[in-house]
Amino acid sequence: MPSDIWHSEADLAILRTLSASALAGAFMRRWPRYISDYRDILRRAGASANPSLLWAAFRDRWRLRFCP
């Protein structure tokens, strides 16, 4: 599984121990929340498909701040 900025090393270590079916089950249990989060981001972006507005809404939703 590739590492990216959204996973800590501890998260990746745990994910590597899961079987494919356990990982799929965990994802499906979380699915309703993913949809809810996405709808909230769309609402914040004014239902726009503009990637810049969606990114800004995503950062706002999760209170992410990036320093230059």
N, C-alpha and C. Protein backbone atom coordinates (compact mmCIF):
# COMPACT_ATOMS: atom_id res chain seq x y z
N MET A 1 0.86 -1.17 0.00
CA MET A 1 0.00 0.00 0.00
C MET A 1 0.90 1.24 0.00
N PRO A 2 0.68 2.16 -0.94
CA PRO A 2 1.55 3.34 -0.99
C PRO A 2 1.31 4.27 0.19
N SER A 3 2.36 4.89 0.63
CA SER A 3 2.26 5.88 1.71
C SER A 3 1.96 7.23 1.11
N ASP A 4 1.13 8.00 1.75
CA ASP A 4 0.88 9.36 1.30
C ASP A 4 0.70 10.25 2.52
N ILE A 5 0.44 11.52 2.31
CA ILE A 5 0.38 12.47 3.42
C ILE A 5 -0.80 12.25 4.35
N TRP A 6 -1.77 11.44 3.96
CA TRP A 6 -2.97 11.27 4.78
C TRP A 6 -2.85 10.13 5.77
N HIS A 7 -1.77 9.38 5.73
CA HIS A 7 -1.61 8.24 6.65
C HIS A 7 -0.34 8.37 7.46
N SER A 8 -0.44 8.15 8.73
CA SER A 8 0.76 8.11 9.56
C SER A 8 1.40 6.73 9.43
N GLU A 9 2.61 6.61 9.87
CA GLU A 9 3.28 5.30 9.85
C GLU A 9 2.53 4.29 10.71
N ALA A 10 1.97 4.75 11.83
CA ALA A 10 1.20 3.84 12.69
C ALA A 10 -0.04 3.34 11.95
N ASP A 11 -0.72 4.23 11.23
CA ASP A 11 -1.91 3.83 10.45
C ASP A 11 -1.52 2.79 9.40
N LEU A 12 -0.42 3.05 8.70
CA LEU A 12 0.01 2.12 7.66
C LEU A 12 0.38 0.76 8.23
N ALA A 13 1.01 0.74 9.39
CA ALA A 13 1.38 -0.53 10.02
C ALA A 13 0.13 -1.34 10.35
N ILE A 14 -0.90 -0.70 10.84
CA ILE A 14 -2.15 -1.39 11.15
C ILE A 14 -2.84 -1.86 9.88
N LEU A 15 -2.89 -1.00 8.85
CA LEU A 15 -3.54 -1.38 7.59
C LEU A 15 -2.86 -2.59 6.94
N ARG A 16 -1.55 -2.69 7.08
CA ARG A 16 -0.83 -3.82 6.47
C ARG A 16 -1.19 -5.15 7.13
N THR A 17 -1.70 -5.11 8.35
CA THR A 17 -2.05 -6.35 9.05
C THR A 17 -3.43 -6.87 8.67
N LEU A 18 -4.23 -6.04 8.00
CA LEU A 18 -5.60 -6.44 7.67
C LEU A 18 -5.65 -7.26 6.40
N SER A 19 -6.52 -8.24 6.39
CA SER A 19 -6.76 -9.00 5.17
C SER A 19 -7.58 -8.12 4.22
N ALA A 20 -7.67 -8.50 2.97
CA ALA A 20 -8.42 -7.73 1.98
C ALA A 20 -9.89 -7.62 2.40
N SER A 21 -10.47 -8.70 2.92
CA SER A 21 -11.88 -8.66 3.31
C SER A 21 -12.08 -7.78 4.54
N ALA A 22 -11.14 -7.78 5.47
CA ALA A 22 -11.25 -6.90 6.65
C ALA A 22 -11.14 -5.44 6.24
N LEU A 23 -10.22 -5.15 5.32
CA LEU A 23 -10.07 -3.78 4.84
C LEU A 23 -11.33 -3.33 4.10
N ALA A 24 -11.89 -4.19 3.27
CA ALA A 24 -13.13 -3.86 2.56
C ALA A 24 -14.27 -3.64 3.55
N GLY A 25 -14.35 -4.46 4.57
CA GLY A 25 -15.40 -4.30 5.58
C GLY A 25 -15.27 -2.99 6.33
N ALA A 26 -14.05 -2.63 6.68
CA ALA A 26 -13.83 -1.36 7.38
C ALA A 26 -14.22 -0.19 6.49
N PHE A 27 -13.86 -0.27 5.21
CA PHE A 27 -14.22 0.80 4.28
C PHE A 27 -15.75 0.90 4.15
N MET A 28 -16.43 -0.21 4.01
CA MET A 28 -17.89 -0.18 3.82
C MET A 28 -18.60 0.31 5.08
N ARG A 29 -18.07 0.01 6.25
CA ARG A 29 -18.69 0.53 7.47
C ARG A 29 -18.54 2.04 7.54
N ARG A 30 -17.50 2.56 6.94
CA ARG A 30 -17.23 4.00 6.96
C ARG A 30 -17.92 4.73 5.80
N TRP A 31 -18.41 4.01 4.80
CA TRP A 31 -18.97 4.60 3.58
C TRP A 31 -20.03 5.68 3.82
N PRO A 32 -21.01 5.47 4.68
CA PRO A 32 -22.01 6.53 4.89
C PRO A 32 -21.38 7.85 5.35
N ARG A 33 -20.32 7.76 6.15
CA ARG A 33 -19.65 8.98 6.60
C ARG A 33 -18.91 9.66 5.45
N TYR A 34 -18.31 8.89 4.55
CA TYR A 34 -17.64 9.47 3.38
C TYR A 34 -18.65 10.28 2.55
N ILE A 35 -19.81 9.70 2.35
CA ILE A 35 -20.84 10.39 1.57
C ILE A 35 -21.28 11.66 2.28
N SER A 36 -21.49 11.58 3.57
CA SER A 36 -21.89 12.75 4.36
C SER A 36 -20.82 13.84 4.28
N ASP A 37 -19.55 13.45 4.42
CA ASP A 37 -18.45 14.42 4.32
C ASP A 37 -18.42 15.08 2.95
N TYR A 38 -18.59 14.27 1.89
CA TYR A 38 -18.55 14.81 0.53
C TYR A 38 -19.71 15.79 0.31
N ARG A 39 -20.88 15.45 0.78
CA ARG A 39 -22.02 16.37 0.62
C ARG A 39 -21.79 17.68 1.37
N ASP A 40 -21.17 17.60 2.54
CA ASP A 40 -20.86 18.81 3.30
C ASP A 40 -19.85 19.67 2.53
N ILE A 41 -18.85 19.03 1.93
CA ILE A 41 -17.86 19.77 1.15
C ILE A 41 -18.51 20.42 -0.07
N LEU A 42 -19.40 19.70 -0.75
CA LEU A 42 -20.11 20.29 -1.88
C LEU A 42 -20.97 21.48 -1.44
N ARG A 43 -21.62 21.34 -0.31
CA ARG A 43 -22.44 22.44 0.21
C ARG A 43 -21.57 23.66 0.48
N ARG A 44 -20.43 23.45 1.10
CA ARG A 44 -19.52 24.55 1.40
C ARG A 44 -18.98 25.20 0.13
N ALA A 45 -18.82 24.41 -0.93
CA ALA A 45 -18.29 24.93 -2.20
C ALA A 45 -19.40 25.53 -3.06
N GLY A 46 -20.61 25.57 -2.53
CA GLY A 46 -21.72 26.10 -3.31
C GLY A 46 -22.14 25.17 -4.43
N ALA A 47 -22.01 23.86 -4.23
CA ALA A 47 -22.34 22.82 -5.20
C ALA A 47 -21.57 23.01 -6.50
N SER A 48 -20.40 23.59 -6.41
CA SER A 48 -19.56 23.84 -7.59
C SER A 48 -18.67 22.65 -7.86
N ALA A 49 -18.41 22.38 -9.14
CA ALA A 49 -17.47 21.33 -9.51
C ALA A 49 -16.08 21.92 -9.74
N ASN A 50 -15.91 23.19 -9.46
CA ASN A 50 -14.63 23.86 -9.63
C ASN A 50 -13.63 23.26 -8.63
N PRO A 51 -12.54 22.67 -9.13
CA PRO A 51 -11.58 22.02 -8.23
C PRO A 51 -11.01 22.96 -7.16
N SER A 52 -10.79 24.22 -7.51
CA SER A 52 -10.25 25.17 -6.53
C SER A 52 -11.23 25.41 -5.39
N LEU A 53 -12.51 25.53 -5.73
CA LEU A 53 -13.52 25.73 -4.69
C LEU A 53 -13.71 24.48 -3.84
N LEU A 54 -13.66 23.31 -4.49
CA LEU A 54 -13.78 22.06 -3.73
C LEU A 54 -12.60 21.88 -2.78
N TRP A 55 -11.38 22.20 -3.25
CA TRP A 55 -10.20 22.10 -2.39
C TRP A 55 -10.31 23.06 -1.21
N ALA A 56 -10.75 24.29 -1.48
CA ALA A 56 -10.92 25.27 -0.39
C ALA A 56 -11.96 24.78 0.61
N ALA A 57 -13.05 24.21 0.11
CA ALA A 57 -14.10 23.70 1.00
C ALA A 57 -13.59 22.50 1.80
N PHE A 58 -12.79 21.64 1.17
CA PHE A 58 -12.20 20.50 1.87
C PHE A 58 -11.30 20.98 3.00
N ARG A 59 -10.44 21.95 2.71
CA ARG A 59 -9.54 22.50 3.75
C ARG A 59 -10.36 23.12 4.87
N ASP A 60 -11.43 23.83 4.51
CA ASP A 60 -12.28 24.45 5.53
C ASP A 60 -12.98 23.38 6.37
N ARG A 61 -13.50 22.36 5.73
CA ARG A 61 -14.23 21.28 6.41
C ARG A 61 -13.36 20.60 7.45
N TRP A 62 -12.10 20.34 7.10
CA TRP A 62 -11.20 19.63 8.00
C TRP A 62 -10.25 20.56 8.75
N ARG A 63 -10.48 21.87 8.59
CA ARG A 63 -9.68 22.89 9.28
C ARG A 63 -8.18 22.71 9.00
N LEU A 64 -7.84 22.44 7.74
CA LEU A 64 -6.46 22.26 7.36
C LEU A 64 -5.83 23.61 7.03
N ARG A 65 -4.66 23.82 7.53
CA ARG A 65 -3.91 25.05 7.25
C ARG A 65 -2.53 24.68 6.76
N PHE A 66 -2.14 25.22 5.63
CA PHE A 66 -0.82 24.96 5.08
C PHE A 66 -0.02 26.25 5.13
N CYS A 67 1.15 26.16 5.70
CA CYS A 67 2.02 27.34 5.81
C CYS A 67 2.98 27.35 4.62
N PRO A 68 3.25 28.54 4.08
CA PRO A 68 4.17 28.62 2.93
C PRO A 68 5.60 28.31 3.31
